[in-house]
Amino acid sequence: MALFLGVWACTEAEDAACEEQVAEGKEGIQVIDGVERSELALTMRLMYDQMKLVADSLESGKEISTNYLEKFRSIHTDHATEPQKIDEVYQAMAASFLLKYEAFETSVNDRPQAFNAMLDACLACHQQKCPGPIKAINKLKLK
């Protein structure tokens, strides 16, 4: 009966706080638009959204300032949808990505090249661990 009331209340309330209550008890998981999302999936989505904005700015020649490194460091500790995939290989690739991202943030002369190098680090991991976003990541590459 309590579960029914919780589900009914969420359909009435339609707010994120209520959805999170239904997902309570699943560590590192949130429900967004009826879909369970792990912390790592949410971080990766934020990374993609931010990098799309960066790519668009670089392509249009706009000056950009990025400062997401501290947030992105959570890829080492975020709960994953498939925790068994978080192993030494993943951790090494995550560290590589963070180094490439930091190089991009501090780059001055050839930001598009540094941006693409960072995306290559994303692709290296996704080719081995989670191939779903590969097509979307490739679309971010600058020419």
C-alpha atoms as a PDB file:
ATOM      1  CA  MET A   1       0.000   0.000   0.000  1.00  0.00           C
ATOM      2  CA  ALA A   2       2.839   2.429   0.851  1.00  0.00           C
ATOM      3  CA  LEU A   3       4.534   1.767  -2.482  1.00  0.00           C
ATOM      4  CA  PHE A   4       1.261   2.471  -4.293  1.00  0.00           C
ATOM      5  CA  LEU A   5       0.869   5.757  -2.419  1.00  0.00           C
ATOM      6  CA  GLY A   6       4.487   6.706  -3.225  1.00  0.00           C
ATOM      7  CA  VAL A   7       3.970   6.055  -6.933  1.00  0.00           C
ATOM      8  CA  TRP A   8       0.601   7.834  -6.947  1.00  0.00           C
ATOM      9  CA  ALA A   9       2.072  10.819  -5.114  1.00  0.00           C
ATOM     10  CA  CYS A  10       4.859  11.065  -7.701  1.00  0.00           C
ATOM     11  CA  THR A  11       2.462  11.055 -10.602  1.00  0.00           C
ATOM     12  CA  GLU A  12       0.632  13.909  -8.965  1.00  0.00           C
ATOM     13  CA  ALA A  13       3.647  15.924  -7.852  1.00  0.00           C
ATOM     14  CA  GLU A  14       5.855  15.573 -10.956  1.00  0.00           C
ATOM     15  CA  ASP A  15       8.903  17.037  -9.279  1.00  0.00           C
ATOM     16  CA  ALA A  16      12.454  15.768  -8.998  1.00  0.00           C
ATOM     17  CA  ALA A  17      12.376  15.580  -5.205  1.00  0.00           C
ATOM     18  CA  CYS A  18       9.520  13.088  -5.300  1.00  0.00           C
ATOM     19  CA  GLU A  19      11.199  11.001  -7.991  1.00  0.00           C
ATOM     20  CA  GLU A  20      14.329  10.820  -5.880  1.00  0.00           C
ATOM     21  CA  GLN A  21      12.272   9.496  -2.965  1.00  0.00           C
ATOM     22  CA  VAL A  22      11.120   6.529  -5.052  1.00  0.00           C
ATOM     23  CA  ALA A  23      14.767   5.748  -5.891  1.00  0.00           C
ATOM     24  CA  GLU A  24      15.739   6.004  -2.229  1.00  0.00           C
ATOM     25  CA  GLY A  25      17.583   2.959  -1.024  1.00  0.00           C
ATOM     26  CA  LYS A  26      19.555   2.549  -4.268  1.00  0.00           C
ATOM     27  CA  GLU A  27      22.870   4.171  -3.521  1.00  0.00           C
ATOM     28  CA  GLY A  28      24.057   6.540  -6.223  1.00  0.00           C
ATOM     29  CA  ILE A  29      20.885   6.235  -8.331  1.00  0.00           C
ATOM     30  CA  GLN A  30      18.377   8.959  -9.181  1.00  0.00           C
ATOM     31  CA  VAL A  31      15.191   8.709 -11.195  1.00  0.00           C
ATOM     32  CA  ILE A  32      14.832  11.372 -13.878  1.00  0.00           C
ATOM     33  CA  ASP A  33      11.817  11.326 -16.167  1.00  0.00           C
ATOM     34  CA  GLY A  34      11.084   7.788 -15.024  1.00  0.00           C
ATOM     35  CA  VAL A  35      14.574   6.495 -15.875  1.00  0.00           C
ATOM     36  CA  GLU A  36      17.124   5.422 -13.289  1.00  0.00           C
ATOM     37  CA  ARG A  37      20.422   7.302 -13.719  1.00  0.00           C
ATOM     38  CA  SER A  38      23.601   6.550 -11.816  1.00  0.00           C
ATOM     39  CA  GLU A  39      25.854   9.299 -10.506  1.00  0.00           C
ATOM     40  CA  LEU A  40      28.403   8.439 -13.175  1.00  0.00           C
ATOM     41  CA  ALA A  41      25.795   8.603 -15.935  1.00  0.00           C
ATOM     42  CA  LEU A  42      24.684  12.029 -14.703  1.00  0.00           C
ATOM     43  CA  THR A  43      28.282  13.257 -14.559  1.00  0.00           C
ATOM     44  CA  MET A  44      28.942  11.935 -18.065  1.00  0.00           C
ATOM     45  CA  ARG A  45      25.800  13.670 -19.304  1.00  0.00           C
ATOM     46  CA  LEU A  46      26.976  16.941 -17.733  1.00  0.00           C
ATOM     47  CA  MET A  47      30.376  16.422 -19.390  1.00  0.00           C
ATOM     48  CA  TYR A  48      28.746  15.939 -22.778  1.00  0.00           C
ATOM     49  CA  ASP A  49      26.470  18.965 -22.380  1.00  0.00           C
ATOM     50  CA  GLN A  50      29.366  21.191 -21.322  1.00  0.00           C
ATOM     51  CA  MET A  51      31.636  19.922 -24.086  1.00  0.00           C
ATOM     52  CA  LYS A  52      28.893  20.539 -26.668  1.00  0.00           C
ATOM     53  CA  LEU A  53      28.785  24.170 -25.570  1.00  0.00           C
ATOM     54  CA  VAL A  54      32.581  24.353 -25.686  1.00  0.00           C
ATOM     55  CA  ALA A  55      32.711  22.788 -29.166  1.00  0.00           C
ATOM     56  CA  ASP A  56      30.083  25.208 -30.466  1.00  0.00           C
ATOM     57  CA  SER A  57      31.999  28.159 -28.989  1.00  0.00           C
ATOM     58  CA  LEU A  58      35.333  27.034 -30.419  1.00  0.00           C
ATOM     59  CA  GLU A  59      33.811  26.449 -33.853  1.00  0.00           C
ATOM     60  CA  SER A  60      32.330  29.926 -33.911  1.00  0.00           C
ATOM     61  CA  GLY A  61      35.625  31.484 -32.796  1.00  0.00           C
ATOM     62  CA  LYS A  62      34.300  32.701 -29.462  1.00  0.00           C
ATOM     63  CA  GLU A  63      36.609  33.045 -26.493  1.00  0.00           C
ATOM     64  CA  ILE A  64      35.660  30.545 -23.825  1.00  0.00           C
ATOM     65  CA  SER A  65      36.535  29.918 -20.233  1.00  0.00           C
ATOM     66  CA  THR A  66      36.041  26.490 -18.720  1.00  0.00           C
ATOM     67  CA  ASN A  67      36.436  25.365 -15.160  1.00  0.00           C
ATOM     68  CA  TYR A  68      34.857  21.949 -14.786  1.00  0.00           C
ATOM     69  CA  LEU A  69      37.915  19.953 -13.707  1.00  0.00           C
ATOM     70  CA  GLU A  70      36.955  19.640 -10.046  1.00  0.00           C
ATOM     71  CA  LYS A  71      33.441  18.448 -10.914  1.00  0.00           C
ATOM     72  CA  PHE A  72      34.746  16.002 -13.488  1.00  0.00           C
ATOM     73  CA  ARG A  73      37.153  14.453 -10.948  1.00  0.00           C
ATOM     74  CA  SER A  74      34.124  12.646  -9.529  1.00  0.00           C
ATOM     75  CA  ILE A  75      34.361  10.123 -12.403  1.00  0.00           C
ATOM     76  CA  HIS A  76      36.747   8.245 -10.105  1.00  0.00           C
ATOM     77  CA  THR A  77      34.199   7.901  -7.291  1.00  0.00           C
ATOM     78  CA  ASP A  78      30.702   8.233  -8.779  1.00  0.00           C
ATOM     79  CA  HIS A  79      28.473   5.162  -8.539  1.00  0.00           C
ATOM     80  CA  ALA A  80      28.134   3.512 -11.944  1.00  0.00           C
ATOM     81  CA  THR A  81      25.162   1.878 -13.622  1.00  0.00           C
ATOM     82  CA  GLU A  82      27.322  -1.225 -14.070  1.00  0.00           C
ATOM     83  CA  PRO A  83      29.758  -1.158 -11.122  1.00  0.00           C
ATOM     84  CA  GLN A  84      31.618  -4.234 -12.385  1.00  0.00           C
ATOM     85  CA  LYS A  85      33.010  -2.113 -15.226  1.00  0.00           C
ATOM     86  CA  ILE A  86      34.774   0.196 -12.788  1.00  0.00           C
ATOM     87  CA  ASP A  87      38.125  -1.541 -12.602  1.00  0.00           C
ATOM     88  CA  GLU A  88      41.809  -0.637 -12.861  1.00  0.00           C
ATOM     89  CA  VAL A  89      41.527  -0.130 -16.622  1.00  0.00           C
ATOM     90  CA  TYR A  90      38.610   2.277 -16.164  1.00  0.00           C
ATOM     91  CA  GLN A  91      40.457   4.182 -13.421  1.00  0.00           C
ATOM     92  CA  ALA A  92      43.546   4.526 -15.639  1.00  0.00           C
ATOM     93  CA  MET A  93      41.451   5.813 -18.538  1.00  0.00           C
ATOM     94  CA  ALA A  94      39.609   8.208 -16.229  1.00  0.00           C
ATOM     95  CA  ALA A  95      42.961   9.571 -15.046  1.00  0.00           C
ATOM     96  CA  SER A  96      44.072   9.953 -18.665  1.00  0.00           C
ATOM     97  CA  PHE A  97      40.899  11.856 -19.501  1.00  0.00           C
ATOM     98  CA  LEU A  98      41.392  14.210 -16.556  1.00  0.00           C
ATOM     99  CA  LEU A  99      44.974  14.938 -17.648  1.00  0.00           C
ATOM    100  CA  LYS A 100      43.805  15.675 -21.186  1.00  0.00           C
ATOM    101  CA  TYR A 101      40.961  17.813 -19.889  1.00  0.00           C
ATOM    102  CA  GLU A 102      43.345  19.784 -17.677  1.00  0.00           C
ATOM    103  CA  ALA A 103      45.663  20.270 -20.677  1.00  0.00           C
ATOM    104  CA  PHE A 104      42.679  21.586 -22.635  1.00  0.00           C
ATOM    105  CA  GLU A 105      41.673  23.991 -19.853  1.00  0.00           C
ATOM    106  CA  THR A 106      45.193  25.414 -19.664  1.00  0.00           C
ATOM    107  CA  SER A 107      45.837  25.459 -23.419  1.00  0.00           C
ATOM    108  CA  VAL A 108      46.349  28.813 -25.039  1.00  0.00           C
ATOM    109  CA  ASN A 109      47.568  28.376 -28.598  1.00  0.00           C
ATOM    110  CA  ASP A 110      45.808  25.370 -30.070  1.00  0.00           C
ATOM    111  CA  ARG A 111      42.617  24.836 -28.125  1.00  0.00           C
ATOM    112  CA  PRO A 112      40.869  22.839 -30.874  1.00  0.00           C
ATOM    113  CA  GLN A 113      43.738  20.327 -30.928  1.00  0.00           C
ATOM    114  CA  ALA A 114      43.688  20.056 -27.120  1.00  0.00           C
ATOM    115  CA  PHE A 115      39.896  19.686 -27.216  1.00  0.00           C
ATOM    116  CA  ASN A 116      40.100  16.834 -29.734  1.00  0.00           C
ATOM    117  CA  ALA A 117      42.839  15.133 -27.686  1.00  0.00           C
ATOM    118  CA  MET A 118      40.526  15.254 -24.683  1.00  0.00           C
ATOM    119  CA  LEU A 119      37.726  13.723 -26.754  1.00  0.00           C
ATOM    120  CA  ASP A 120      40.121  10.978 -27.866  1.00  0.00           C
ATOM    121  CA  ALA A 121      40.563  10.088 -24.190  1.00  0.00           C
ATOM    122  CA  CYS A 122      36.767   9.849 -23.866  1.00  0.00           C
ATOM    123  CA  LEU A 123      36.564   7.622 -26.900  1.00  0.00           C
ATOM    124  CA  ALA A 124      39.349   5.303 -25.710  1.00  0.00           C
ATOM    125  CA  CYS A 125      37.391   4.505 -22.575  1.00  0.00           C
ATOM    126  CA  HIS A 126      33.996   4.285 -24.235  1.00  0.00           C
ATOM    127  CA  GLN A 127      35.326   1.890 -26.862  1.00  0.00           C
ATOM    128  CA  GLN A 128      36.204  -0.547 -24.076  1.00  0.00           C
ATOM    129  CA  LYS A 129      33.645   0.130 -21.364  1.00  0.00           C
ATOM    130  CA  CYS A 130      30.438   1.688 -22.677  1.00  0.00           C
ATOM    131  CA  PRO A 131      30.122   2.132 -26.445  1.00  0.00           C
ATOM    132  CA  GLY A 132      26.713   3.818 -26.450  1.00  0.00           C
ATOM    133  CA  PRO A 133      27.917   7.461 -26.534  1.00  0.00           C
ATOM    134  CA  ILE A 134      30.677   6.978 -29.133  1.00  0.00           C
ATOM    135  CA  LYS A 135      28.664   8.423 -32.021  1.00  0.00           C
ATOM    136  CA  ALA A 136      27.688  11.503 -29.988  1.00  0.00           C
ATOM    137  CA  ILE A 137      31.271  12.054 -28.794  1.00  0.00           C
ATOM    138  CA  ASN A 138      32.583  11.811 -32.361  1.00  0.00           C
ATOM    139  CA  LYS A 139      30.136  14.539 -33.400  1.00  0.00           C
ATOM    140  CA  LEU A 140      31.824  16.898 -30.911  1.00  0.00           C
ATOM    141  CA  LYS A 141      35.184  16.644 -32.679  1.00  0.00           C
ATOM    142  CA  LEU A 142      36.436  19.865 -34.223  1.00  0.00           C
ATOM    143  CA  LYS A 143      37.716  19.983 -37.788  1.00  0.00           C
END
